[in-house]
C-alpha atoms as a PDB file:
ATOM      1  CA  UNK A   1      36.367 -58.483  99.946  1.00  0.00           C
ATOM      2  CA  UNK A   2      35.184 -56.163  97.059  1.00  0.00           C
ATOM      3  CA  UNK A   3      37.865 -53.814  96.028  1.00  0.00           C
ATOM      4  CA  UNK A   4      36.902 -50.209  94.123  1.00  0.00           C
ATOM      5  CA  UNK A   5      40.105 -49.192  92.251  1.00  0.00           C
ATOM      6  CA  UNK A   6      40.442 -45.324  92.043  1.00  0.00           C
ATOM      7  CA  UNK A   7      41.185 -43.465  88.736  1.00  0.00           C
ATOM      8  CA  UNK A   8      44.947 -43.313  89.444  1.00  0.00           C
ATOM      9  CA  UNK A   9      44.660 -46.889  88.840  1.00  0.00           C
ATOM     10  CA  UNK A  10      44.104 -48.832  85.409  1.00  0.00           C
ATOM     11  CA  UNK A  11      40.935 -50.421  84.960  1.00  0.00           C
ATOM     12  CA  UNK A  12      42.735 -53.228  83.409  1.00  0.00           C
ATOM     13  CA  UNK A  13      43.613 -54.628  86.707  1.00  0.00           C
ATOM     14  CA  UNK A  14      40.246 -55.610  87.975  1.00  0.00           C
ATOM     15  CA  UNK A  15      39.716 -58.470  85.708  1.00  0.00           C
ATOM     16  CA  UNK A  16      42.932 -59.899  86.627  1.00  0.00           C
ATOM     17  CA  UNK A  17      41.663 -59.854  90.374  1.00  0.00           C
ATOM     18  CA  UNK A  18      38.396 -61.481  89.989  1.00  0.00           C
ATOM     19  CA  UNK A  19      39.401 -65.026  91.183  1.00  0.00           C
ATOM     20  CA  UNK A  20      40.599 -63.584  94.385  1.00  0.00           C
ATOM     21  CA  UNK A  21      38.403 -60.540  95.105  1.00  0.00           C
ATOM     22  CA  UNK A  22      34.809 -61.108  93.304  1.00  0.00           C
ATOM     23  CA  UNK A  23      32.551 -58.114  92.811  1.00  0.00           C
ATOM     24  CA  UNK A  24      35.598 -55.736  92.600  1.00  0.00           C
ATOM     25  CA  UNK A  25      35.128 -52.819  90.168  1.00  0.00           C
ATOM     26  CA  UNK A  26      36.884 -49.442  88.942  1.00  0.00           C
ATOM     27  CA  UNK A  27      35.538 -45.936  89.422  1.00  0.00           C
ATOM     28  CA  UNK A  28      35.059 -45.758  85.857  1.00  0.00           C
ATOM     29  CA  UNK A  29      32.686 -48.394  85.683  1.00  0.00           C
ATOM     30  CA  UNK A  30      30.596 -46.488  87.926  1.00  0.00           C
ATOM     31  CA  UNK A  31      30.873 -42.749  86.288  1.00  0.00           C
ATOM     32  CA  UNK A  32      32.888 -41.701  89.279  1.00  0.00           C
ATOM     33  CA  UNK A  33      35.994 -40.494  87.243  1.00  0.00           C
ATOM     34  CA  UNK A  34      37.106 -37.135  88.285  1.00  0.00           C
ATOM     35  CA  UNK A  35      34.589 -37.043  91.000  1.00  0.00           C
ATOM     36  CA  UNK A  36      35.139 -35.654  94.456  1.00  0.00           C
ATOM     37  CA  UNK A  37      36.629 -37.935  97.284  1.00  0.00           C
ATOM     38  CA  UNK A  38      33.691 -37.536  99.300  1.00  0.00           C
ATOM     39  CA  UNK A  39      31.523 -39.177  96.565  1.00  0.00           C
ATOM     40  CA  UNK A  40      33.543 -42.132  95.871  1.00  0.00           C
ATOM     41  CA  UNK A  41      34.136 -42.517  99.865  1.00  0.00           C
ATOM     42  CA  UNK A  42      30.251 -42.543 100.352  1.00  0.00           C
ATOM     43  CA  UNK A  43      29.760 -44.890  96.896  1.00  0.00           C
ATOM     44  CA  UNK A  44      32.269 -47.200  98.268  1.00  0.00           C
ATOM     45  CA  UNK A  45      30.477 -46.995 102.151  1.00  0.00           C
ATOM     46  CA  UNK A  46      26.969 -47.597 100.486  1.00  0.00           C
ATOM     47  CA  UNK A  47      28.109 -50.656  98.138  1.00  0.00           C
ATOM     48  CA  UNK A  48      30.669 -52.713 100.470  1.00  0.00           C
ATOM     49  CA  UNK A  49      33.902 -51.725  98.615  1.00  0.00           C
ATOM     50  CA  UNK A  50      37.390 -51.355 100.216  1.00  0.00           C
ATOM     51  CA  UNK A  51      38.903 -48.379  98.188  1.00  0.00           C
ATOM     52  CA  UNK A  52      42.057 -48.965  96.532  1.00  0.00           C
ATOM     53  CA  UNK A  53      44.279 -45.788  95.771  1.00  0.00           C
ATOM     54  CA  UNK A  54      47.791 -44.170  95.551  1.00  0.00           C
ATOM     55  CA  UNK A  55      45.896 -40.864  96.651  1.00  0.00           C
ATOM     56  CA  UNK A  56      47.219 -39.721 100.103  1.00  0.00           C
ATOM     57  CA  UNK A  57      43.788 -37.701 100.186  1.00  0.00           C
ATOM     58  CA  UNK A  58      42.094 -40.837 100.696  1.00  0.00           C
ATOM     59  CA  UNK A  59      44.811 -41.819 103.517  1.00  0.00           C
ATOM     60  CA  UNK A  60      43.898 -38.471 105.559  1.00  0.00           C
ATOM     61  CA  UNK A  61      40.071 -39.032 104.951  1.00  0.00           C
ATOM     62  CA  UNK A  62      40.430 -42.500 106.517  1.00  0.00           C
ATOM     63  CA  UNK A  63      42.484 -41.233 109.260  1.00  0.00           C
ATOM     64  CA  UNK A  64      39.878 -38.533 109.895  1.00  0.00           C
ATOM     65  CA  UNK A  65      36.564 -40.790 109.481  1.00  0.00           C
ATOM     66  CA  UNK A  66      37.849 -44.264 109.833  1.00  0.00           C
ATOM     67  CA  UNK A  67      36.012 -47.233 108.438  1.00  0.00           C
ATOM     68  CA  UNK A  68      33.927 -47.951 106.498  1.00  0.00           C
ATOM     69  CA  UNK A  69      34.838 -48.174 104.162  1.00  0.00           C
ATOM     70  CA  UNK A  70      38.262 -49.626 104.565  1.00  0.00           C
ATOM     71  CA  UNK A  71      41.312 -47.942 102.419  1.00  0.00           C
ATOM     72  CA  UNK A  72      44.266 -49.657 100.915  1.00  0.00           C
ATOM     73  CA  UNK A  73      46.805 -47.306 100.299  1.00  0.00           C
ATOM     74  CA  UNK A  74      49.605 -48.276  97.428  1.00  0.00           C
ATOM     75  CA  UNK A  75      52.618 -46.571  98.101  1.00  0.00           C
ATOM     76  CA  UNK A  76      54.297 -47.733  95.054  1.00  0.00           C
ATOM     77  CA  UNK A  77      55.043 -44.709  92.974  1.00  0.00           C
ATOM     78  CA  UNK A  78      54.746 -45.023  89.233  1.00  0.00           C
ATOM     79  CA  UNK A  79      55.171 -48.239  87.484  1.00  0.00           C
ATOM     80  CA  UNK A  80      53.440 -50.473  85.326  1.00  0.00           C
ATOM     81  CA  UNK A  81      49.799 -51.907  85.933  1.00  0.00           C
ATOM     82  CA  UNK A  82      51.408 -55.582  86.106  1.00  0.00           C
ATOM     83  CA  UNK A  83      53.300 -54.480  89.394  1.00  0.00           C
ATOM     84  CA  UNK A  84      49.785 -53.401  91.114  1.00  0.00           C
ATOM     85  CA  UNK A  85      48.427 -56.263  90.058  1.00  0.00           C
ATOM     86  CA  UNK A  86      51.137 -58.490  91.383  1.00  0.00           C
ATOM     87  CA  UNK A  87      51.068 -56.691  94.653  1.00  0.00           C
ATOM     88  CA  UNK A  88      47.160 -57.236  95.171  1.00  0.00           C
ATOM     89  CA  UNK A  89      47.625 -60.743  94.370  1.00  0.00           C
ATOM     90  CA  UNK A  90      50.636 -61.551  96.371  1.00  0.00           C
ATOM     91  CA  UNK A  91      49.120 -59.925  99.239  1.00  0.00           C
ATOM     92  CA  UNK A  92      45.967 -61.442  99.238  1.00  0.00           C
ATOM     93  CA  UNK A  93      46.160 -63.293 102.949  1.00  0.00           C
ATOM     94  CA  UNK A  94      47.208 -59.971 104.402  1.00  0.00           C
ATOM     95  CA  UNK A  95      43.960 -58.067 102.546  1.00  0.00           C
ATOM     96  CA  UNK A  96      42.108 -60.994 104.030  1.00  0.00           C
ATOM     97  CA  UNK A  97      43.025 -60.431 107.406  1.00  0.00           C
ATOM     98  CA  UNK A  98      42.593 -56.589 107.416  1.00  0.00           C
ATOM     99  CA  UNK A  99      39.212 -57.254 106.051  1.00  0.00           C
ATOM    100  CA  UNK A 100      38.379 -59.629 108.777  1.00  0.00           C
ATOM    101  CA  UNK A 101      39.697 -57.011 111.236  1.00  0.00           C
ATOM    102  CA  UNK A 102      36.628 -54.849 112.562  1.00  0.00           C
ATOM    103  CA  UNK A 103      39.080 -52.178 114.041  1.00  0.00           C
ATOM    104  CA  UNK A 104      41.563 -51.819 110.926  1.00  0.00           C
ATOM    105  CA  UNK A 105      40.734 -48.875 108.717  1.00  0.00           C
ATOM    106  CA  UNK A 106      44.033 -48.427 106.819  1.00  0.00           C
ATOM    107  CA  UNK A 107      46.320 -50.921 105.143  1.00  0.00           C
ATOM    108  CA  UNK A 108      49.474 -49.459 103.353  1.00  0.00           C
ATOM    109  CA  UNK A 109      51.008 -51.682 100.919  1.00  0.00           C
ATOM    110  CA  UNK A 110      54.280 -50.595  99.462  1.00  0.00           C
END
């Protein structure tokens, strides 16, 4: 599973996840900072990413449009980057099952 981290998450997380989520990236790496959510959605869809964000707008978009792309909604509030990294690493099995489920579109982690 390739993750595309939204701008509300630090780009420093990506290198810490490469061993579990190879090919993952951050919107910053694709010049998608301050870009409309629809553009990020389309980019993720075209390039096989699952979007990871704390942005409720992606949650709404996922409810309306479904997958692809799949959406991982982080309902964790503000906190250190290490907390997000630990959560994504700790929930690897759950994210793998989510990725493998053709009917799943949204995964909420808290």
